[in-house]
Amino acid sequence: FTVNGFGIPWIDFTPTLDNWVDQLEVPETRRA
């Protein structure tokens, strides 16, 4: 909610894959 600009990775913020890793490790996501 605090990122400025157009949300461009490496310009407006430092991207991370933590959200993807967290969700792919959730059994409900894989089952869905």
All heavy atoms as atom14 arrays in JSON, in Angstrom:
{
  "sequence": "FTVNGFGIPWIDFTPTLDNWVDQLEVPETRRA",
  "atom14_mask": [
    [1, 1, 1, 1, 1, 1, 1, 1, 1, 1, 1, 0, 0, 0],
    [1, 1, 1, 1, 1, 1, 1, 0, 0, 0, 0, 0, 0, 0],
    [1, 1, 1, 1, 1, 1, 1, 0, 0, 0, 0, 0, 0, 0],
    [1, 1, 1, 1, 1, 1, 1, 1, 0, 0, 0, 0, 0, 0],
    [1, 1, 1, 1, 0, 0, 0, 0, 0, 0, 0, 0, 0, 0],
    [1, 1, 1, 1, 1, 1, 1, 1, 1, 1, 1, 0, 0, 0],
    [1, 1, 1, 1, 0, 0, 0, 0, 0, 0, 0, 0, 0, 0],
    [1, 1, 1, 1, 1, 1, 1, 1, 0, 0, 0, 0, 0, 0],
    [1, 1, 1, 1, 1, 1, 1, 0, 0, 0, 0, 0, 0, 0],
    [1, 1, 1, 1, 1, 1, 1, 1, 1, 1, 1, 1, 1, 1],
    [1, 1, 1, 1, 1, 1, 1, 1, 0, 0, 0, 0, 0, 0],
    [1, 1, 1, 1, 1, 1, 1, 1, 0, 0, 0, 0, 0, 0],
    [1, 1, 1, 1, 1, 1, 1, 1, 1, 1, 1, 0, 0, 0],
    [1, 1, 1, 1, 1, 1, 1, 0, 0, 0, 0, 0, 0, 0],
    [1, 1, 1, 1, 1, 1, 1, 0, 0, 0, 0, 0, 0, 0],
    [1, 1, 1, 1, 1, 1, 1, 0, 0, 0, 0, 0, 0, 0],
    [1, 1, 1, 1, 1, 1, 1, 1, 0, 0, 0, 0, 0, 0],
    [1, 1, 1, 1, 1, 1, 1, 1, 0, 0, 0, 0, 0, 0],
    [1, 1, 1, 1, 1, 1, 1, 1, 0, 0, 0, 0, 0, 0],
    [1, 1, 1, 1, 1, 1, 1, 1, 1, 1, 1, 1, 1, 1],
    [1, 1, 1, 1, 1, 1, 1, 0, 0, 0, 0, 0, 0, 0],
    [1, 1, 1, 1, 1, 1, 1, 1, 0, 0, 0, 0, 0, 0],
    [1, 1, 1, 1, 1, 1, 1, 1, 1, 0, 0, 0, 0, 0],
    [1, 1, 1, 1, 1, 1, 1, 1, 0, 0, 0, 0, 0, 0],
    [1, 1, 1, 1, 1, 1, 1, 1, 1, 0, 0, 0, 0, 0],
    [1, 1, 1, 1, 1, 1, 1, 0, 0, 0, 0, 0, 0, 0],
    [1, 1, 1, 1, 1, 1, 1, 0, 0, 0, 0, 0, 0, 0],
    [1, 1, 1, 1, 1, 1, 1, 1, 1, 0, 0, 0, 0, 0],
    [1, 1, 1, 1, 1, 1, 1, 0, 0, 0, 0, 0, 0, 0],
    [1, 1, 1, 1, 1, 1, 1, 1, 1, 1, 1, 0, 0, 0],
    [1, 1, 1, 1, 1, 1, 1, 1, 1, 1, 1, 0, 0, 0],
    [1, 1, 1, 1, 1, 0, 0, 0, 0, 0, 0, 0, 0, 0]
  ],
  "atom14_positions": [
    [[0.81, -1.21, 0.0], [0.0, 0.0, 0.0], [0.85, 1.27, 0.0], [0.3, 2.37, -0.07], [-0.9, 0.03, 1.24], [-1.8, -1.16, 1.35], [-1.49, -2.21, 2.2], [-2.96, -1.25, 0.6], [-2.32, -3.31, 2.3], [-3.81, -2.35, 0.7], [-3.49, -3.38, 1.55], [0.0, 0.0, 0.0], [0.0, 0.0, 0.0], [0.0, 0.0, 0.0]],
    [[2.17, 1.14, 0.09], [3.01, 2.33, 0.2], [3.89, 2.57, -1.02], [4.58, 3.59, -1.07], [3.92, 2.23, 1.44], [4.75, 1.07, 1.32], [3.08, 2.1, 2.71], [0.0, 0.0, 0.0], [0.0, 0.0, 0.0], [0.0, 0.0, 0.0], [0.0, 0.0, 0.0], [0.0, 0.0, 0.0], [0.0, 0.0, 0.0], [0.0, 0.0, 0.0]],
    [[3.91, 1.67, -1.99], [4.8, 1.83, -3.14], [4.37, 3.04, -3.95], [3.18, 3.31, -4.14], [4.8, 0.56, -4.01], [3.44, 0.33, -4.65], [5.88, 0.66, -5.08], [0.0, 0.0, 0.0], [0.0, 0.0, 0.0], [0.0, 0.0, 0.0], [0.0, 0.0, 0.0], [0.0, 0.0, 0.0], [0.0, 0.0, 0.0], [0.0, 0.0, 0.0]],
    [[5.35, 3.82, -4.41], [5.08, 5.0, -5.22], [5.29, 4.68, -6.7], [5.86, 3.67, -7.07], [6.01, 6.14, -4.81], [5.78, 6.58, -3.38], [4.65, 6.66, -2.95], [6.86, 6.85, -2.65], [0.0, 0.0, 0.0], [0.0, 0.0, 0.0], [0.0, 0.0, 0.0], [0.0, 0.0, 0.0], [0.0, 0.0, 0.0], [0.0, 0.0, 0.0]],
    [[4.85, 5.6, -7.56], [5.03, 5.41, -8.99], [4.04, 4.43, -9.57], [2.88, 4.32, -9.11], [0.0, 0.0, 0.0], [0.0, 0.0, 0.0], [0.0, 0.0, 0.0], [0.0, 0.0, 0.0], [0.0, 0.0, 0.0], [0.0, 0.0, 0.0], [0.0, 0.0, 0.0], [0.0, 0.0, 0.0], [0.0, 0.0, 0.0], [0.0, 0.0, 0.0]],
    [[4.48, 3.68, -10.59], [3.62, 2.74, -11.28], [3.86, 1.3, -10.86], [3.41, 0.38, -11.51], [3.83, 2.86, -12.8], [3.38, 4.16, -13.36], [4.28, 5.2, -13.58], [2.04, 4.39, -13.65], [3.87, 6.4, -14.1], [1.62, 5.6, -14.17], [2.53, 6.61, -14.4], [0.0, 0.0, 0.0], [0.0, 0.0, 0.0], [0.0, 0.0, 0.0]],
    [[4.58, 1.09, -9.8], [4.82, -0.26, -9.31], [5.75, -1.06, -10.2], [5.57, -2.27, -10.35], [0.0, 0.0, 0.0], [0.0, 0.0, 0.0], [0.0, 0.0, 0.0], [0.0, 0.0, 0.0], [0.0, 0.0, 0.0], [0.0, 0.0, 0.0], [0.0, 0.0, 0.0], [0.0, 0.0, 0.0], [0.0, 0.0, 0.0], [0.0, 0.0, 0.0]],
    [[6.74, -0.42, -10.79], [7.68, -1.09, -11.68], [8.78, -1.75, -10.84], [9.44, -1.07, -10.05], [8.3, -0.11, -12.69], [7.19, 0.56, -13.5], [9.28, -0.81, -13.61], [7.68, 1.63, -14.44], [0.0, 0.0, 0.0], [0.0, 0.0, 0.0], [0.0, 0.0, 0.0], [0.0, 0.0, 0.0], [0.0, 0.0, 0.0], [0.0, 0.0, 0.0]],
    [[8.98, -3.06, -11.0], [10.03, -3.73, -10.21], [11.41, -3.13, -10.49], [11.71, -2.68, -11.6], [9.93, -5.19, -10.67], [8.55, -5.32, -11.24], [8.21, -3.99, -11.82], [0.0, 0.0, 0.0], [0.0, 0.0, 0.0], [0.0, 0.0, 0.0], [0.0, 0.0, 0.0], [0.0, 0.0, 0.0], [0.0, 0.0, 0.0], [0.0, 0.0, 0.0]],
    [[12.24, -3.15, -9.46], [13.61, -2.64, -9.47], [13.69, -1.11, -9.65], [14.76, -0.55, -9.6], [14.46, -3.29, -10.57], [14.76, -4.72, -10.27], [15.64, -5.2, -9.33], [14.18, -5.85, -10.89], [15.63, -6.57, -9.34], [14.76, -7.0, -10.3], [13.23, -6.0, -11.9], [14.41, -8.28, -10.68], [12.88, -7.29, -12.28], [13.46, -8.41, -11.67]],
    [[12.56, -0.47, -9.85], [12.54, 1.0, -9.95], [11.77, 1.58, -8.77], [12.26, 2.45, -8.05], [11.93, 1.46, -11.29], [12.81, 1.0, -12.46], [11.77, 2.98, -11.3], [12.27, 1.38, -13.81], [0.0, 0.0, 0.0], [0.0, 0.0, 0.0], [0.0, 0.0, 0.0], [0.0, 0.0, 0.0], [0.0, 0.0, 0.0], [0.0, 0.0, 0.0]],
    [[10.52, 1.1, -8.58], [9.7, 1.58, -7.47], [9.81, 0.72, -6.23], [9.44, 1.15, -5.14], [8.24, 1.66, -7.91], [8.04, 2.65, -9.05], [8.71, 3.69, -9.04], [7.22, 2.37, -9.95], [0.0, 0.0, 0.0], [0.0, 0.0, 0.0], [0.0, 0.0, 0.0], [0.0, 0.0, 0.0], [0.0, 0.0, 0.0], [0.0, 0.0, 0.0]],
    [[10.27, -0.52, -6.38], [10.43, -1.39, -5.22], [11.38, -2.53, -5.6], [11.65, -2.77, -6.78], [9.09, -1.96, -4.74], [8.44, -2.9, -5.72], [8.63, -4.28, -5.61], [7.65, -2.42, -6.75], [8.04, -5.15, -6.51], [7.05, -3.29, -7.65], [7.25, -4.66, -7.53], [0.0, 0.0, 0.0], [0.0, 0.0, 0.0], [0.0, 0.0, 0.0]],
    [[11.85, -3.23, -4.59], [12.73, -4.39, -4.8], [11.87, -5.65, -4.82], [11.24, -5.98, -3.8], [13.77, -4.49, -3.7], [14.55, -3.29, -3.68], [14.69, -5.68, -3.94], [0.0, 0.0, 0.0], [0.0, 0.0, 0.0], [0.0, 0.0, 0.0], [0.0, 0.0, 0.0], [0.0, 0.0, 0.0], [0.0, 0.0, 0.0], [0.0, 0.0, 0.0]],
    [[11.78, -6.34, -5.95], [10.89, -7.52, -6.03], [11.39, -8.68, -5.19], [12.59, -8.82, -4.93], [10.9, -7.86, -7.53], [12.2, -7.34, -8.02], [12.49, -6.11, -7.22], [0.0, 0.0, 0.0], [0.0, 0.0, 0.0], [0.0, 0.0, 0.0], [0.0, 0.0, 0.0], [0.0, 0.0, 0.0], [0.0, 0.0, 0.0], [0.0, 0.0, 0.0]],
    [[10.46, -9.51, -4.79], [10.77, -10.7, -4.01], [9.81, -11.83, -4.42], [8.67, -11.57, -4.81], [10.65, -10.44, -2.5], [10.91, -11.65, -1.8], [9.27, -9.93, -2.15], [0.0, 0.0, 0.0], [0.0, 0.0, 0.0], [0.0, 0.0, 0.0], [0.0, 0.0, 0.0], [0.0, 0.0, 0.0], [0.0, 0.0, 0.0], [0.0, 0.0, 0.0]],
    [[10.27, -13.06, -4.32], [9.45, -14.23, -4.63], [8.9, -14.9, -3.36], [8.37, -16.02, -3.45], [10.27, -15.25, -5.43], [10.69, -14.82, -6.84], [11.56, -15.89, -7.47], [9.46, -14.56, -7.72], [0.0, 0.0, 0.0], [0.0, 0.0, 0.0], [0.0, 0.0, 0.0], [0.0, 0.0, 0.0], [0.0, 0.0, 0.0], [0.0, 0.0, 0.0]],
    [[9.0, -14.22, -2.24], [8.54, -14.83, -0.98], [7.05, -15.14, -1.02], [6.61, -16.18, -0.5], [8.85, -13.9, 0.19], [10.35, -13.79, 0.45], [11.11, -14.66, -0.05], [10.77, -12.84, 1.13], [0.0, 0.0, 0.0], [0.0, 0.0, 0.0], [0.0, 0.0, 0.0], [0.0, 0.0, 0.0], [0.0, 0.0, 0.0], [0.0, 0.0, 0.0]],
    [[6.26, -14.23, -1.61], [4.82, -14.47, -1.68], [4.51, -15.71, -2.51], [3.62, -16.51, -2.15], [4.11, -13.26, -2.28], [4.3, -12.01, -1.45], [4.46, -12.08, -0.23], [4.31, -10.85, -2.1], [0.0, 0.0, 0.0], [0.0, 0.0, 0.0], [0.0, 0.0, 0.0], [0.0, 0.0, 0.0], [0.0, 0.0, 0.0], [0.0, 0.0, 0.0]],
    [[5.21, -15.9, -3.62], [5.01, -17.07, -4.46], [5.41, -18.33, -3.72], [4.7, -19.35, -3.77], [5.8, -16.94, -5.76], [5.2, -15.98, -6.74], [5.33, -14.62, -6.75], [4.37, -16.31, -7.85], [4.64, -14.07, -7.79], [4.05, -15.09, -8.49], [3.9, -17.5, -8.37], [3.24, -15.03, -9.63], [3.09, -17.46, -9.5], [2.76, -16.24, -10.12]],
    [[6.55, -18.3, -3.06], [7.0, -19.48, -2.33], [6.02, -19.83, -1.23], [5.66, -21.01, -1.03], [8.42, -19.22, -1.75], [8.83, -20.38, -0.85], [9.42, -19.04, -2.88], [0.0, 0.0, 0.0], [0.0, 0.0, 0.0], [0.0, 0.0, 0.0], [0.0, 0.0, 0.0], [0.0, 0.0, 0.0], [0.0, 0.0, 0.0], [0.0, 0.0, 0.0]],
    [[5.53, -18.82, -0.49], [4.59, -19.08, 0.59], [3.3, -19.72, 0.08], [2.78, -20.68, 0.67], [4.25, -17.78, 1.32], [5.45, -17.23, 2.09], [6.4, -18.01, 2.32], [5.44, -16.03, 2.43], [0.0, 0.0, 0.0], [0.0, 0.0, 0.0], [0.0, 0.0, 0.0], [0.0, 0.0, 0.0], [0.0, 0.0, 0.0], [0.0, 0.0, 0.0]],
    [[2.79, -19.22, -1.05], [1.53, -19.74, -1.57], [1.68, -21.13, -2.19], [0.81, -21.98, -2.05], [0.96, -18.77, -2.6], [0.26, -17.58, -2.01], [-0.89, -17.99, -1.11], [-1.89, -18.54, -1.56], [-0.75, -17.73, 0.19], [0.0, 0.0, 0.0], [0.0, 0.0, 0.0], [0.0, 0.0, 0.0], [0.0, 0.0, 0.0], [0.0, 0.0, 0.0]],
    [[2.78, -21.36, -2.88], [2.98, -22.68, -3.48], [3.27, -23.75, -2.44], [3.13, -24.95, -2.73], [4.13, -22.62, -4.5], [3.84, -21.78, -5.76], [5.06, -21.74, -6.66], [2.64, -22.34, -6.52], [0.0, 0.0, 0.0], [0.0, 0.0, 0.0], [0.0, 0.0, 0.0], [0.0, 0.0, 0.0], [0.0, 0.0, 0.0], [0.0, 0.0, 0.0]],
    [[3.66, -23.34, -1.25], [3.86, -24.3, -0.17], [2.57, -24.59, 0.59], [2.53, -25.53, 1.4], [4.91, -23.77, 0.81], [6.33, -23.77, 0.24], [7.34, -23.23, 1.23], [6.9, -22.66, 2.26], [8.56, -23.37, 0.98], [0.0, 0.0, 0.0], [0.0, 0.0, 0.0], [0.0, 0.0, 0.0], [0.0, 0.0, 0.0], [0.0, 0.0, 0.0]],
    [[1.52, -23.82, 0.32], [0.24, -24.04, 0.99], [-0.47, -25.23, 0.32], [-0.7, -25.21, -0.89], [-0.64, -22.78, 0.92], [-2.03, -23.06, 1.49], [0.02, -21.64, 1.67], [0.0, 0.0, 0.0], [0.0, 0.0, 0.0], [0.0, 0.0, 0.0], [0.0, 0.0, 0.0], [0.0, 0.0, 0.0], [0.0, 0.0, 0.0], [0.0, 0.0, 0.0]],
    [[-0.84, -26.27, 1.05], [-1.51, -27.42, 0.43], [-2.82, -27.06, -0.26], [-3.17, -27.65, -1.3], [-1.75, -28.38, 1.61], [-0.74, -27.97, 2.65], [-0.58, -26.49, 2.49], [0.0, 0.0, 0.0], [0.0, 0.0, 0.0], [0.0, 0.0, 0.0], [0.0, 0.0, 0.0], [0.0, 0.0, 0.0], [0.0, 0.0, 0.0], [0.0, 0.0, 0.0]],
    [[-3.56, -26.11, 0.28], [-4.83, -25.72, -0.33], [-4.64, -25.12, -1.71], [-5.48, -25.32, -2.6], [-5.57, -24.73, 0.58], [-6.13, -25.31, 1.86], [-5.06, -25.49, 2.92], [-3.9, -25.04, 2.67], [-5.36, -26.06, 3.98], [0.0, 0.0, 0.0], [0.0, 0.0, 0.0], [0.0, 0.0, 0.0], [0.0, 0.0, 0.0], [0.0, 0.0, 0.0]],
    [[-3.56, -24.38, -1.91], [-3.3, -23.79, -3.23], [-3.0, -24.87, -4.26], [-3.53, -24.86, -5.38], [-2.14, -22.79, -3.15], [-2.46, -21.75, -2.22], [-1.87, -22.18, -4.52], [0.0, 0.0, 0.0], [0.0, 0.0, 0.0], [0.0, 0.0, 0.0], [0.0, 0.0, 0.0], [0.0, 0.0, 0.0], [0.0, 0.0, 0.0], [0.0, 0.0, 0.0]],
    [[-2.15, -25.82, -3.89], [-1.82, -26.91, -4.81], [-3.05, -27.76, -5.1], [-3.27, -28.2, -6.24], [-0.69, -27.75, -4.24], [0.63, -27.0, -4.07], [1.78, -27.98, -3.91], [1.61, -28.81, -2.72], [2.08, -28.51, -1.52], [2.76, -27.36, -1.34], [1.91, -29.32, -0.49], [0.0, 0.0, 0.0], [0.0, 0.0, 0.0], [0.0, 0.0, 0.0]],
    [[-3.87, -27.99, -4.09], [-5.07, -28.79, -4.29], [-6.06, -28.06, -5.19], [-6.69, -28.66, -6.06], [-5.73, -29.1, -2.95], [-6.97, -30.02, -3.07], [-7.74, -30.08, -1.78], [-6.88, -30.46, -0.68], [-7.06, -30.05, 0.58], [-8.04, -29.21, 0.86], [-6.24, -30.44, 1.53], [0.0, 0.0, 0.0], [0.0, 0.0, 0.0], [0.0, 0.0, 0.0]],
    [[-6.21, -26.74, -4.99], [-7.13, -25.98, -5.83], [-6.67, -25.98, -7.29], [-7.49, -26.09, -8.22], [-7.25, -24.55, -5.32], [0.0, 0.0, 0.0], [0.0, 0.0, 0.0], [0.0, 0.0, 0.0], [0.0, 0.0, 0.0], [0.0, 0.0, 0.0], [0.0, 0.0, 0.0], [0.0, 0.0, 0.0], [0.0, 0.0, 0.0], [0.0, 0.0, 0.0]]
  ]
}
